[in-house]
Amino acid sequence: MQYRCPKCQSPKIMPVAQPGQAAPRPVVPKSLMFLVPALFLLLLLVIISIAMWIFGDGAGTTLQTATVIVFILSLIAGFIFYKDLPDFKISMQAFMQTQKKWKCRECNHEWEI
C-alpha cells in the first residue's frame, strides 16, 4: 500500500473511523510509554543545567545527579524499546493494512482502498 494521498501525494494521511466497526489499535509497547516522558524530563533537566551554568554559579550536585539518573533510565528504556521494536513494527503494519478509509490532512481528500 502507498502511504500517500493519491491526489496531492502528501504523506500526511490518517485513517477514517468506520461506523459500526470496532477500531483496531496498534499495540504500543509499555517501554515506549516510559521512554517518551523520560526523554522529555532529560531534555528539561539539561536545559535547566545549561541555564544555571550561563546565569548562575553552575548546576548543583542534586541537579547533576538527577540528570545522570534520568539519562541512565532513558538508556535502559531505549534498549528495552529497541528489543520491543520488531513486535511494534508488525503491529503497526497490521493496523495500517486493516484500515480501508483514509483522509489526507492537507487537502481533505478521502479515499477507500
Protein backbone atom coordinates (compact mmCIF):
# COMPACT_ATOMS: atom_id res chain seq x y z
CA MET A 1 0.00 0.00 0.00
CA GLN A 2 1.12 3.50 -0.76
CA TYR A 3 1.00 5.67 2.36
CA ARG A 4 0.45 8.93 0.46
CA CYS A 5 -2.55 10.88 -0.70
CA PRO A 6 -3.37 9.92 -4.30
CA LYS A 7 -4.46 13.48 -5.05
CA CYS A 8 -1.65 15.66 -3.63
CA GLN A 9 0.98 12.98 -2.79
CA SER A 10 1.23 14.22 0.80
CA PRO A 11 2.44 11.70 3.41
CA LYS A 12 0.14 13.36 6.00
CA ILE A 13 -2.70 10.85 5.94
CA MET A 14 -4.90 9.43 8.68
CA PRO A 15 -7.40 6.58 8.90
CA VAL A 16 -11.08 7.48 9.00
CA ALA A 17 -13.25 5.79 11.61
CA GLN A 18 -15.69 3.32 10.12
CA PRO A 19 -19.14 3.40 11.75
CA GLY A 20 -20.37 0.19 13.29
CA GLN A 21 -16.95 -1.44 13.50
CA ALA A 22 -14.57 -1.66 16.40
CA ALA A 23 -11.49 0.40 15.68
CA PRO A 24 -8.38 -1.79 15.80
CA ARG A 25 -5.44 -0.19 17.54
CA PRO A 26 -1.75 -0.96 17.24
CA VAL A 27 -0.15 -2.45 20.33
CA VAL A 28 2.04 0.26 21.85
CA PRO A 29 4.84 -1.20 23.99
CA LYS A 30 4.97 -0.10 27.60
CA SER A 31 8.65 0.71 27.15
CA LEU A 32 7.68 3.48 24.71
CA MET A 33 5.27 4.88 27.30
CA PHE A 34 8.22 5.10 29.68
CA LEU A 35 10.81 6.27 27.13
CA VAL A 36 8.99 9.36 25.84
CA PRO A 37 8.42 11.03 29.25
CA ALA A 38 11.96 10.10 30.31
CA LEU A 39 13.39 11.84 27.25
CA PHE A 40 11.30 14.96 27.88
CA LEU A 41 12.41 15.00 31.51
CA LEU A 42 16.03 14.58 30.44
CA LEU A 43 15.69 17.46 27.99
CA LEU A 44 14.18 19.65 30.70
CA LEU A 45 16.99 18.83 33.15
CA VAL A 46 19.66 19.55 30.54
CA ILE A 47 18.08 22.90 29.65
CA ILE A 48 17.88 23.83 33.34
CA SER A 49 21.53 22.81 33.82
CA ILE A 50 22.66 24.89 30.84
CA ALA A 51 20.65 27.88 32.08
CA MET A 52 22.18 27.56 35.54
CA TRP A 53 25.68 27.43 34.04
CA ILE A 54 25.00 30.56 31.97
CA PHE A 55 23.09 32.65 34.51
CA GLY A 56 24.30 31.28 37.83
CA ASP A 57 27.20 29.58 39.55
CA GLY A 58 26.55 26.27 37.81
CA ALA A 59 24.29 23.34 38.30
CA GLY A 60 24.20 21.93 41.80
CA THR A 61 25.11 18.37 42.67
CA THR A 62 21.45 17.41 43.12
CA LEU A 63 20.57 18.57 39.61
CA GLN A 64 23.62 16.84 38.14
CA THR A 65 22.77 13.60 39.95
CA ALA A 66 19.14 13.77 38.81
CA THR A 67 20.29 14.35 35.21
CA VAL A 68 22.61 11.34 35.31
CA ILE A 69 19.90 9.11 36.83
CA VAL A 70 17.32 10.17 34.21
CA PHE A 71 19.93 9.64 31.47
CA ILE A 72 20.60 6.09 32.67
CA LEU A 73 16.86 5.39 32.90
CA SER A 74 16.45 6.73 29.35
CA LEU A 75 19.19 4.41 28.12
CA ILE A 76 17.54 1.42 29.77
CA ALA A 77 14.11 2.34 28.40
CA GLY A 78 15.62 2.89 24.94
CA PHE A 79 17.25 -0.53 24.99
CA ILE A 80 14.02 -2.20 26.11
CA PHE A 81 12.08 -0.36 23.38
CA TYR A 82 14.71 -1.45 20.85
CA LYS A 83 14.01 -5.07 21.83
CA ASP A 84 10.23 -4.45 21.50
CA LEU A 85 10.60 -2.67 18.15
CA PRO A 86 10.06 -5.69 15.82
CA ASP A 87 6.72 -6.55 17.51
CA PHE A 88 5.68 -2.89 17.45
CA LYS A 89 6.53 -2.65 13.75
CA ILE A 90 4.47 -5.76 12.91
CA SER A 91 1.55 -4.45 14.99
CA MET A 92 1.69 -1.06 13.26
CA GLN A 93 1.86 -2.63 9.79
CA ALA A 94 -1.15 -4.84 10.59
CA PHE A 95 -3.05 -1.78 11.81
CA MET A 96 -2.25 0.17 8.64
CA GLN A 97 -3.32 -2.73 6.41
CA THR A 98 -6.67 -3.21 8.16
CA GLN A 99 -7.69 0.39 7.51
CA LYS A 100 -9.93 0.81 4.45
CA LYS A 101 -10.85 4.51 4.52
CA TRP A 102 -8.21 7.22 4.56
CA LYS A 103 -8.18 11.01 4.65
CA CYS A 104 -5.46 13.50 3.74
CA ARG A 105 -4.78 16.14 6.37
CA GLU A 106 -3.58 18.68 3.80
CA CYS A 107 -6.21 18.58 1.04
CA ASN A 108 -9.03 16.75 2.95
CA HIS A 109 -9.31 14.21 0.13
CA GLU A 110 -10.96 10.95 1.26
CA TRP A 111 -10.45 7.62 -0.48
CA GLU A 112 -11.08 3.95 0.08
CA ILE A 113 -8.77 1.04 -0.60
